[in-house]
Every structure is written in C-alpha cells, then in structure tokens.
Amino acid sequence: MRIPVVLILLAVSLAGPVQSRAEVGSELIIHAEAQAVLDAEDAYVAAELSRDEAALRRIVDDRFVFNSSSGETTGKEALIQGLLQMAMTGQDITERSVLIEGDIALVFGTAELRFASSDGKERASTQRYTATYVKREDGWRLLALQMQQRAARE
C-alpha cells in the first residue's frame, strides 16, 4: 500500500514544476516577441538618423499612417521624404514599453530629438510617442506613429 501513495506524491510534486516551466516558456516567447519589436524600432531609428532610404522603405509598412503633433496625417512616402530632408543629429529613446496583442504591437516611449539649426546651434524637442507595429511574414513593420510634444516636467 505504501508504494502507490509514494507514486501519487511523486506525481503531484512533479506536476507543479511542469506547469511553472510552461508559464516560463510562454513568458520567454512574449519577451522574445517584444525584443523583436524593439529591434525593429531600433533599426527604424538608426535608418532615420542615417537617412537610409532603403532601410526606411523596408521597415515602414506600405499602409503606414503618421499623426503629427500639429494634427497633420500623412503616409509612408511623406514620412520618408520628410526624414530624408531633416537635419536630425541625434535621438535618445527612453521610457519604452511594449504591448503585444496577436500580430499588433504598440510601443510607448519618449524621444528626445536633436536637430542642427541654421545658426549652428543644436535644438532639441522631447516627444511622447506611440508606435504601432504589425507582424508581417518577414518581420515587424512600422504601421502607425503618433507623436506629441512632451509636457514639461516640474
């Protein structure tokens, strides 16, 4: 009679770690997807700074929509042409978080954009943004971007 009780206790004790491993496995998958989204965003920022038109065309989805802080809405071509003409000298991204739902990912963050000006001084603008990425067969693509001036911190 003692052997079946020992086997039952052994089976029960093994059931807990198996469930924990499954939960950890799904967390790793979610983390890997979030990292893939952030990698796509990092590639976009690098292409923006280097004015790499080919990379921008690859990363920005054909259905892209940009909502600017001025209230203007534009598409992929206007975004790329605007970026190619911009005198951006640097960009720091902070406060980033990722929310994934199926094949859609939202990235919330803050960007400090730095630009060269005609008087030789650098000017900066701090923007709060929401970027929407869509998962395509060949990876995550930037589908939409909303930017607004960040309120001054007191």
N, C-alpha and C. Protein backbone atom coordinates (compact mmCIF):
# COMPACT_ATOMS: atom_id res chain seq x y z
N MET A 1 0.81 -1.19 0.00
CA MET A 1 0.00 0.00 0.00
C MET A 1 0.86 1.27 0.00
N ARG A 2 2.02 1.20 0.55
CA ARG A 2 2.86 2.40 0.63
C ARG A 2 3.37 2.82 -0.75
N ILE A 3 3.61 1.93 -1.64
CA ILE A 3 4.16 2.27 -2.95
C ILE A 3 3.20 3.16 -3.74
N PRO A 4 1.90 2.85 -3.85
CA PRO A 4 1.01 3.76 -4.61
C PRO A 4 0.97 5.17 -4.02
N VAL A 5 1.00 5.30 -2.69
CA VAL A 5 0.97 6.63 -2.07
C VAL A 5 2.23 7.39 -2.45
N VAL A 6 3.38 6.73 -2.44
CA VAL A 6 4.63 7.37 -2.81
C VAL A 6 4.59 7.81 -4.27
N LEU A 7 4.04 6.96 -5.14
CA LEU A 7 3.93 7.31 -6.55
C LEU A 7 3.00 8.50 -6.76
N ILE A 8 1.89 8.56 -6.03
CA ILE A 8 0.95 9.67 -6.14
C ILE A 8 1.63 10.96 -5.67
N LEU A 9 2.33 10.89 -4.53
CA LEU A 9 3.02 12.08 -4.04
C LEU A 9 4.10 12.55 -5.02
N LEU A 10 4.80 11.60 -5.62
CA LEU A 10 5.81 11.94 -6.61
C LEU A 10 5.18 12.61 -7.82
N ALA A 11 4.08 12.06 -8.31
CA ALA A 11 3.38 12.63 -9.46
C ALA A 11 2.87 14.03 -9.16
N VAL A 12 2.30 14.24 -7.98
CA VAL A 12 1.79 15.57 -7.59
C VAL A 12 2.94 16.56 -7.49
N SER A 13 4.06 16.13 -6.92
CA SER A 13 5.18 17.05 -6.77
C SER A 13 5.78 17.43 -8.12
N LEU A 14 5.73 16.54 -9.09
CA LEU A 14 6.25 16.84 -10.42
C LEU A 14 5.29 17.72 -11.23
N ALA A 15 4.01 17.68 -10.94
CA ALA A 15 3.03 18.46 -11.70
C ALA A 15 3.26 19.96 -11.54
N GLY A 16 3.64 20.41 -10.36
CA GLY A 16 3.88 21.84 -10.12
C GLY A 16 4.98 22.40 -11.01
N PRO A 17 6.18 21.82 -11.00
CA PRO A 17 7.25 22.35 -11.83
C PRO A 17 6.94 22.32 -13.32
N VAL A 18 6.20 21.32 -13.79
CA VAL A 18 5.85 21.26 -15.21
C VAL A 18 5.01 22.47 -15.58
N GLN A 19 4.04 22.83 -14.76
CA GLN A 19 3.21 23.99 -15.01
C GLN A 19 4.06 25.26 -14.98
N SER A 20 4.97 25.34 -14.02
CA SER A 20 5.83 26.52 -13.93
C SER A 20 6.71 26.64 -15.17
N ARG A 21 7.22 25.52 -15.65
CA ARG A 21 8.04 25.57 -16.86
C ARG A 21 7.23 26.04 -18.05
N ALA A 22 5.99 25.63 -18.17
CA ALA A 22 5.13 26.07 -19.27
C ALA A 22 4.89 27.57 -19.18
N GLU A 23 4.65 28.09 -17.98
CA GLU A 23 4.44 29.52 -17.81
C GLU A 23 5.72 30.28 -18.16
N VAL A 24 6.85 29.81 -17.71
CA VAL A 24 8.11 30.46 -18.02
C VAL A 24 8.34 30.43 -19.53
N GLY A 25 8.02 29.32 -20.16
CA GLY A 25 8.18 29.20 -21.61
C GLY A 25 7.36 30.24 -22.35
N SER A 26 6.11 30.46 -21.95
CA SER A 26 5.29 31.46 -22.64
C SER A 26 5.80 32.86 -22.35
N GLU A 27 6.33 33.11 -21.16
CA GLU A 27 6.93 34.41 -20.85
C GLU A 27 8.15 34.66 -21.73
N LEU A 28 8.94 33.62 -21.98
CA LEU A 28 10.10 33.76 -22.85
C LEU A 28 9.68 34.08 -24.27
N ILE A 29 8.61 33.45 -24.74
CA ILE A 29 8.10 33.73 -26.09
C ILE A 29 7.64 35.18 -26.17
N ILE A 30 6.89 35.63 -25.19
CA ILE A 30 6.42 37.02 -25.17
C ILE A 30 7.61 37.96 -25.12
N HIS A 31 8.60 37.67 -24.28
CA HIS A 31 9.80 38.52 -24.18
C HIS A 31 10.53 38.56 -25.53
N ALA A 32 10.65 37.41 -26.19
CA ALA A 32 11.34 37.36 -27.48
C ALA A 32 10.60 38.19 -28.52
N GLU A 33 9.28 38.14 -28.53
CA GLU A 33 8.49 38.95 -29.48
C GLU A 33 8.65 40.43 -29.17
N ALA A 34 8.59 40.79 -27.90
CA ALA A 34 8.78 42.19 -27.52
C ALA A 34 10.17 42.67 -27.94
N GLN A 35 11.17 41.85 -27.77
CA GLN A 35 12.53 42.22 -28.18
C GLN A 35 12.61 42.36 -29.69
N ALA A 36 11.91 41.51 -30.44
CA ALA A 36 11.90 41.62 -31.90
C ALA A 36 11.27 42.94 -32.34
N VAL A 37 10.22 43.38 -31.64
CA VAL A 37 9.58 44.66 -31.93
C VAL A 37 10.56 45.80 -31.64
N LEU A 38 11.21 45.75 -30.48
CA LEU A 38 12.18 46.79 -30.13
C LEU A 38 13.36 46.80 -31.10
N ASP A 39 13.76 45.63 -31.58
CA ASP A 39 14.83 45.57 -32.58
C ASP A 39 14.40 46.26 -33.87
N ALA A 40 13.13 46.06 -34.27
CA ALA A 40 12.61 46.73 -35.47
C ALA A 40 12.59 48.24 -35.25
N GLU A 41 12.19 48.66 -34.06
CA GLU A 41 12.17 50.10 -33.77
C GLU A 41 13.58 50.68 -33.75
N ASP A 42 14.52 49.96 -33.17
CA ASP A 42 15.91 50.42 -33.16
C ASP A 42 16.45 50.56 -34.59
N ALA A 43 16.08 49.61 -35.46
CA ALA A 43 16.50 49.68 -36.86
C ALA A 43 15.87 50.90 -37.54
N TYR A 44 14.62 51.20 -37.21
CA TYR A 44 13.95 52.37 -37.76
C TYR A 44 14.67 53.65 -37.32
N VAL A 45 14.99 53.77 -36.04
CA VAL A 45 15.67 54.96 -35.52
C VAL A 45 17.03 55.11 -36.18
N ALA A 46 17.76 54.01 -36.34
CA ALA A 46 19.08 54.06 -37.00
C ALA A 46 18.93 54.52 -38.45
N ALA A 47 17.91 54.02 -39.14
CA ALA A 47 17.68 54.42 -40.53
C ALA A 47 17.27 55.89 -40.61
N GLU A 48 16.51 56.34 -39.63
CA GLU A 48 16.09 57.74 -39.55
C GLU A 48 17.33 58.64 -39.42
N LEU A 49 18.20 58.29 -38.48
CA LEU A 49 19.39 59.11 -38.22
C LEU A 49 20.37 59.10 -39.39
N SER A 50 20.54 57.96 -40.03
CA SER A 50 21.49 57.86 -41.14
C SER A 50 20.86 58.21 -42.48
N ARG A 51 19.55 58.50 -42.45
CA ARG A 51 18.79 58.83 -43.67
C ARG A 51 18.95 57.72 -44.72
N ASP A 52 18.81 56.48 -44.24
CA ASP A 52 18.93 55.29 -45.08
C ASP A 52 17.57 55.01 -45.72
N GLU A 53 17.38 55.52 -46.92
CA GLU A 53 16.08 55.41 -47.59
C GLU A 53 15.66 53.96 -47.82
N ALA A 54 16.59 53.11 -48.23
CA ALA A 54 16.24 51.70 -48.48
C ALA A 54 15.76 51.02 -47.21
N ALA A 55 16.44 51.27 -46.09
CA ALA A 55 16.02 50.67 -44.82
C ALA A 55 14.67 51.23 -44.38
N LEU A 56 14.46 52.52 -44.54
CA LEU A 56 13.17 53.11 -44.19
C LEU A 56 12.05 52.48 -45.00
N ARG A 57 12.26 52.30 -46.28
CA ARG A 57 11.23 51.69 -47.14
C ARG A 57 10.94 50.24 -46.73
N ARG A 58 11.96 49.56 -46.23
CA ARG A 58 11.78 48.17 -45.79
C ARG A 58 11.05 48.10 -44.44
N ILE A 59 11.37 48.99 -43.53
CA ILE A 59 10.84 48.94 -42.16
C ILE A 59 9.44 49.52 -42.06
N VAL A 60 9.16 50.59 -42.80
CA VAL A 60 7.86 51.26 -42.74
C VAL A 60 6.88 50.51 -43.64
N ASP A 61 5.78 50.10 -43.08
CA ASP A 61 4.76 49.35 -43.81
C ASP A 61 4.12 50.23 -44.89
N ASP A 62 3.69 49.61 -45.98
CA ASP A 62 3.06 50.34 -47.08
C ASP A 62 1.77 51.04 -46.64
N ARG A 63 1.11 50.53 -45.62
CA ARG A 63 -0.15 51.12 -45.14
C ARG A 63 0.07 52.13 -44.00
N PHE A 64 1.30 52.54 -43.80
CA PHE A 64 1.69 53.43 -42.70
C PHE A 64 0.88 54.73 -42.65
N VAL A 65 0.57 55.16 -41.41
CA VAL A 65 -0.10 56.44 -41.15
C VAL A 65 0.66 57.14 -40.02
N PHE A 66 0.96 58.44 -40.24
CA PHE A 66 1.64 59.26 -39.23
C PHE A 66 0.71 60.38 -38.80
N ASN A 67 0.49 60.47 -37.49
CA ASN A 67 -0.27 61.57 -36.90
C ASN A 67 0.73 62.45 -36.17
N SER A 68 0.96 63.64 -36.70
CA SER A 68 1.95 64.52 -36.09
C SER A 68 1.34 65.35 -34.97
N SER A 69 2.21 65.98 -34.20
CA SER A 69 1.74 66.81 -33.10
C SER A 69 1.01 68.05 -33.60
N SER A 70 1.20 68.39 -34.88
CA SER A 70 0.49 69.53 -35.45
C SER A 70 -0.91 69.16 -35.92
N GLY A 71 -1.24 67.88 -35.85
CA GLY A 71 -2.55 67.43 -36.27
C GLY A 71 -2.61 66.94 -37.71
N GLU A 72 -1.49 67.01 -38.40
CA GLU A 72 -1.44 66.56 -39.79
C GLU A 72 -1.30 65.04 -39.85
N THR A 73 -2.00 64.42 -40.79
CA THR A 73 -1.90 62.98 -41.01
C THR A 73 -1.30 62.74 -42.39
N THR A 74 -0.23 61.94 -42.42
CA THR A 74 0.43 61.64 -43.70
C THR A 74 0.71 60.14 -43.79
N GLY A 75 1.26 59.73 -44.92
CA GLY A 75 1.56 58.33 -45.16
C GLY A 75 3.05 58.05 -45.28
N LYS A 76 3.34 56.88 -45.78
CA LYS A 76 4.71 56.39 -45.86
C LYS A 76 5.61 57.30 -46.68
N GLU A 77 5.19 57.67 -47.87
CA GLU A 77 6.05 58.46 -48.75
C GLU A 77 6.38 59.82 -48.15
N ALA A 78 5.38 60.49 -47.59
CA ALA A 78 5.61 61.80 -46.98
C ALA A 78 6.56 61.67 -45.78
N LEU A 79 6.40 60.60 -44.99
CA LEU A 79 7.30 60.39 -43.86
C LEU A 79 8.73 60.24 -44.34
N ILE A 80 8.96 59.37 -45.30
CA ILE A 80 10.31 59.10 -45.78
C ILE A 80 10.92 60.35 -46.38
N GLN A 81 10.19 61.06 -47.21
CA GLN A 81 10.73 62.28 -47.82
C GLN A 81 11.06 63.32 -46.75
N GLY A 82 10.21 63.45 -45.75
CA GLY A 82 10.46 64.38 -44.65
C GLY A 82 11.71 64.01 -43.87
N LEU A 83 11.88 62.72 -43.59
CA LEU A 83 13.06 62.26 -42.85
C LEU A 83 14.34 62.49 -43.63
N LEU A 84 14.30 62.29 -44.94
CA LEU A 84 15.48 62.46 -45.77
C LEU A 84 15.93 63.92 -45.80
N GLN A 85 15.00 64.84 -45.61
CA GLN A 85 15.32 66.27 -45.64
C GLN A 85 15.62 66.85 -44.25
N MET A 86 15.33 66.09 -43.21
CA MET A 86 15.52 66.57 -41.85
C MET A 86 16.99 66.67 -41.48
N ALA A 87 17.32 67.63 -40.66
CA ALA A 87 18.69 67.81 -40.19
C ALA A 87 18.83 67.21 -38.78
N MET A 88 18.30 66.00 -38.60
CA MET A 88 18.38 65.36 -37.29
C MET A 88 19.82 64.93 -37.01
N THR A 89 20.31 65.28 -35.83
CA THR A 89 21.69 64.95 -35.46
C THR A 89 21.77 63.86 -34.40
N GLY A 90 20.67 63.61 -33.72
CA GLY A 90 20.68 62.58 -32.69
C GLY A 90 19.30 62.32 -32.16
N GLN A 91 19.18 61.20 -31.45
CA GLN A 91 17.89 60.82 -30.89
C GLN A 91 18.14 59.88 -29.71
N ASP A 92 17.51 60.19 -28.59
CA ASP A 92 17.58 59.32 -27.42
C ASP A 92 16.17 58.84 -27.10
N ILE A 93 16.00 57.54 -27.02
CA ILE A 93 14.71 56.93 -26.71
C ILE A 93 14.74 56.46 -25.27
N THR A 94 13.71 56.83 -24.50
CA THR A 94 13.62 56.40 -23.10
C THR A 94 12.19 56.00 -22.79
N GLU A 95 12.00 55.45 -21.61
CA GLU A 95 10.67 55.11 -21.10
C GLU A 95 9.87 54.23 -22.09
N ARG A 96 10.55 53.28 -22.68
CA ARG A 96 9.90 52.43 -23.68
C ARG A 96 9.25 51.23 -23.05
N SER A 97 8.05 50.93 -23.50
CA SER A 97 7.37 49.70 -23.11
C SER A 97 6.64 49.16 -24.33
N VAL A 98 6.41 47.85 -24.32
CA VAL A 98 5.80 47.18 -25.46
C VAL A 98 4.56 46.43 -25.00
N LEU A 99 3.50 46.54 -25.78
CA LEU A 99 2.26 45.80 -25.55
C LEU A 99 1.96 45.06 -26.84
N ILE A 100 1.88 43.72 -26.76
CA ILE A 100 1.63 42.90 -27.95
C ILE A 100 0.28 42.22 -27.82
N GLU A 101 -0.49 42.28 -28.90
CA GLU A 101 -1.76 41.57 -29.00
C GLU A 101 -1.81 40.94 -30.39
N GLY A 102 -1.53 39.64 -30.44
CA GLY A 102 -1.51 38.95 -31.72
C GLY A 102 -0.40 39.47 -32.61
N ASP A 103 -0.77 39.92 -33.81
CA ASP A 103 0.21 40.42 -34.77
C ASP A 103 0.35 41.94 -34.74
N ILE A 104 -0.14 42.56 -33.68
CA ILE A 104 -0.03 44.00 -33.50
C ILE A 104 0.75 44.28 -32.21
N ALA A 105 1.66 45.22 -32.28
CA ALA A 105 2.44 45.63 -31.10
C ALA A 105 2.42 47.15 -31.00
N LEU A 106 2.24 47.62 -29.79
CA LEU A 106 2.30 49.05 -29.50
C LEU A 106 3.56 49.32 -28.69
N VAL A 107 4.28 50.34 -29.08
CA VAL A 107 5.45 50.77 -28.32
C VAL A 107 5.15 52.17 -27.81
N PHE A 108 5.27 52.36 -26.51
CA PHE A 108 5.07 53.65 -25.87
C PHE A 108 6.43 54.14 -25.41
N GLY A 109 6.79 55.36 -25.74
CA GLY A 109 8.09 55.84 -25.33
C GLY A 109 8.22 57.35 -25.40
N THR A 110 9.41 57.80 -25.05
CA THR A 110 9.77 59.21 -25.13
C THR A 110 11.00 59.31 -26.01
N ALA A 111 10.98 60.28 -26.92
CA ALA A 111 12.12 60.51 -27.81
C ALA A 111 12.60 61.94 -27.66
N GLU A 112 13.89 62.09 -27.39
CA GLU A 112 14.48 63.42 -27.44
C GLU A 112 15.17 63.51 -28.79
N LEU A 113 14.64 64.37 -29.64
CA LEU A 113 15.16 64.54 -30.99
C LEU A 113 16.04 65.78 -31.01
N ARG A 114 17.21 65.65 -31.63
CA ARG A 114 18.12 66.78 -31.75
C ARG A 114 18.33 67.12 -33.22
N PHE A 115 18.32 68.44 -33.51
CA PHE A 115 18.41 68.91 -34.89
C PHE A 115 19.46 70.01 -34.99
N ALA A 116 20.13 70.05 -36.13
CA ALA A 116 21.04 71.16 -36.43
C ALA A 116 20.17 72.33 -36.90
N SER A 117 20.56 73.53 -36.53
CA SER A 117 19.83 74.71 -36.99
C SER A 117 20.75 75.58 -37.84
N SER A 118 20.19 76.51 -38.57
CA SER A 118 20.97 77.34 -39.49
C SER A 118 22.00 78.22 -38.77
N ASP A 119 21.77 78.51 -37.49
CA ASP A 119 22.73 79.33 -36.75
C ASP A 119 23.86 78.50 -36.13
N GLY A 120 23.89 77.21 -36.43
CA GLY A 120 24.95 76.33 -35.94
C GLY A 120 24.69 75.73 -34.58
N LYS A 121 23.63 76.16 -33.93
CA LYS A 121 23.29 75.59 -32.63
C LYS A 121 22.37 74.40 -32.81
N GLU A 122 22.49 73.48 -31.88
CA GLU A 122 21.61 72.32 -31.91
C GLU A 122 20.35 72.63 -31.11
N ARG A 123 19.21 72.23 -31.63
CA ARG A 123 17.96 72.40 -30.87
C ARG A 123 17.40 71.01 -30.60
N ALA A 124 16.63 70.92 -29.53
CA ALA A 124 16.07 69.62 -29.13
C ALA A 124 14.57 69.73 -28.94
N SER A 125 13.92 68.61 -29.15
CA SER A 125 12.48 68.50 -28.94
C SER A 125 12.21 67.17 -28.27
N THR A 126 11.47 67.20 -27.17
CA THR A 126 11.13 65.95 -26.49
C THR A 126 9.69 65.60 -26.81
N GLN A 127 9.52 64.43 -27.38
CA GLN A 127 8.22 63.96 -27.83
C GLN A 127 7.82 62.68 -27.11
N ARG A 128 6.56 62.58 -26.79
CA ARG A 128 5.98 61.32 -26.29
C ARG A 128 5.37 60.67 -27.51
N TYR A 129 5.57 59.36 -27.68
CA TYR A 129 5.07 58.72 -28.90
C TYR A 129 4.44 57.36 -28.61
N THR A 130 3.58 56.98 -29.55
CA THR A 130 3.03 55.63 -29.62
C THR A 130 3.28 55.15 -31.03
N ALA A 131 4.02 54.06 -31.15
CA ALA A 131 4.29 53.46 -32.45
C ALA A 131 3.55 52.12 -32.52
N THR A 132 2.91 51.89 -33.64
CA THR A 132 2.19 50.64 -33.86
C THR A 132 2.95 49.82 -34.90
N TYR A 133 3.23 48.58 -34.54
CA TYR A 133 3.93 47.67 -35.45
C TYR A 133 3.00 46.52 -35.80
N VAL A 134 3.13 46.02 -37.02
CA VAL A 134 2.36 44.87 -37.47
C VAL A 134 3.36 43.78 -37.86
N LYS A 135 3.03 42.56 -37.49
CA LYS A 135 3.91 41.44 -37.82
C LYS A 135 3.56 40.92 -39.21
N ARG A 136 4.49 41.01 -40.11
CA ARG A 136 4.36 40.51 -41.47
C ARG A 136 5.20 39.24 -41.59
N GLU A 137 5.12 38.58 -42.73
CA GLU A 137 5.88 37.34 -42.93
C GLU A 137 7.37 37.54 -42.73
N ASP A 138 7.88 38.72 -43.08
CA ASP A 138 9.31 38.96 -42.99
C ASP A 138 9.71 39.78 -41.76
N GLY A 139 8.80 39.93 -40.79
CA GLY A 139 9.16 40.62 -39.55
C GLY A 139 8.19 41.74 -39.19
N TRP A 140 8.54 42.49 -38.16
CA TRP A 140 7.72 43.58 -37.66
C TRP A 140 7.94 44.83 -38.50
N ARG A 141 6.85 45.49 -38.89
CA ARG A 141 6.89 46.70 -39.70
C ARG A 141 6.15 47.83 -38.99
N LEU A 142 6.66 49.05 -39.13
CA LEU A 142 6.03 50.22 -38.53
C LEU A 142 4.77 50.55 -39.31
N LEU A 143 3.62 50.47 -38.65
CA LEU A 143 2.32 50.67 -39.28
C LEU A 143 1.77 52.06 -39.01
N ALA A 144 1.99 52.59 -37.81
CA ALA A 144 1.46 53.91 -37.46
C ALA A 144 2.34 54.54 -36.39
N LEU A 145 2.33 55.87 -36.37
CA LEU A 145 3.12 56.61 -35.40
C LEU A 145 2.34 57.86 -35.00
N GLN A 146 2.23 58.07 -33.71
CA GLN A 146 1.59 59.26 -33.14
C GLN A 146 2.62 59.93 -32.26
N MET A 147 2.87 61.21 -32.49
CA MET A 147 3.84 61.94 -31.67
C MET A 147 3.22 63.23 -31.17
N GLN A 148 3.59 63.59 -29.94
CA GLN A 148 3.15 64.86 -29.39
C GLN A 148 4.23 65.40 -28.48
N GLN A 149 4.27 66.71 -28.39
CA GLN A 149 5.24 67.37 -27.51
C GLN A 149 5.05 66.90 -26.08
N ARG A 150 6.13 66.54 -25.44
CA ARG A 150 6.03 66.11 -24.04
C ARG A 150 5.88 67.33 -23.15
N ALA A 151 4.97 67.25 -22.23
CA ALA A 151 4.76 68.34 -21.28
C ALA A 151 6.01 68.50 -20.42
N ALA A 152 6.32 69.72 -20.10
CA ALA A 152 7.49 69.99 -19.26
C ALA A 152 7.28 69.39 -17.88
N ARG A 153 8.31 68.79 -17.36
CA ARG A 153 8.25 68.23 -16.01
C ARG A 153 8.56 69.31 -14.99
N GLU A 154 7.84 69.30 -13.90
CA GLU A 154 8.09 70.30 -12.86
C GLU A 154 8.93 69.73 -11.77
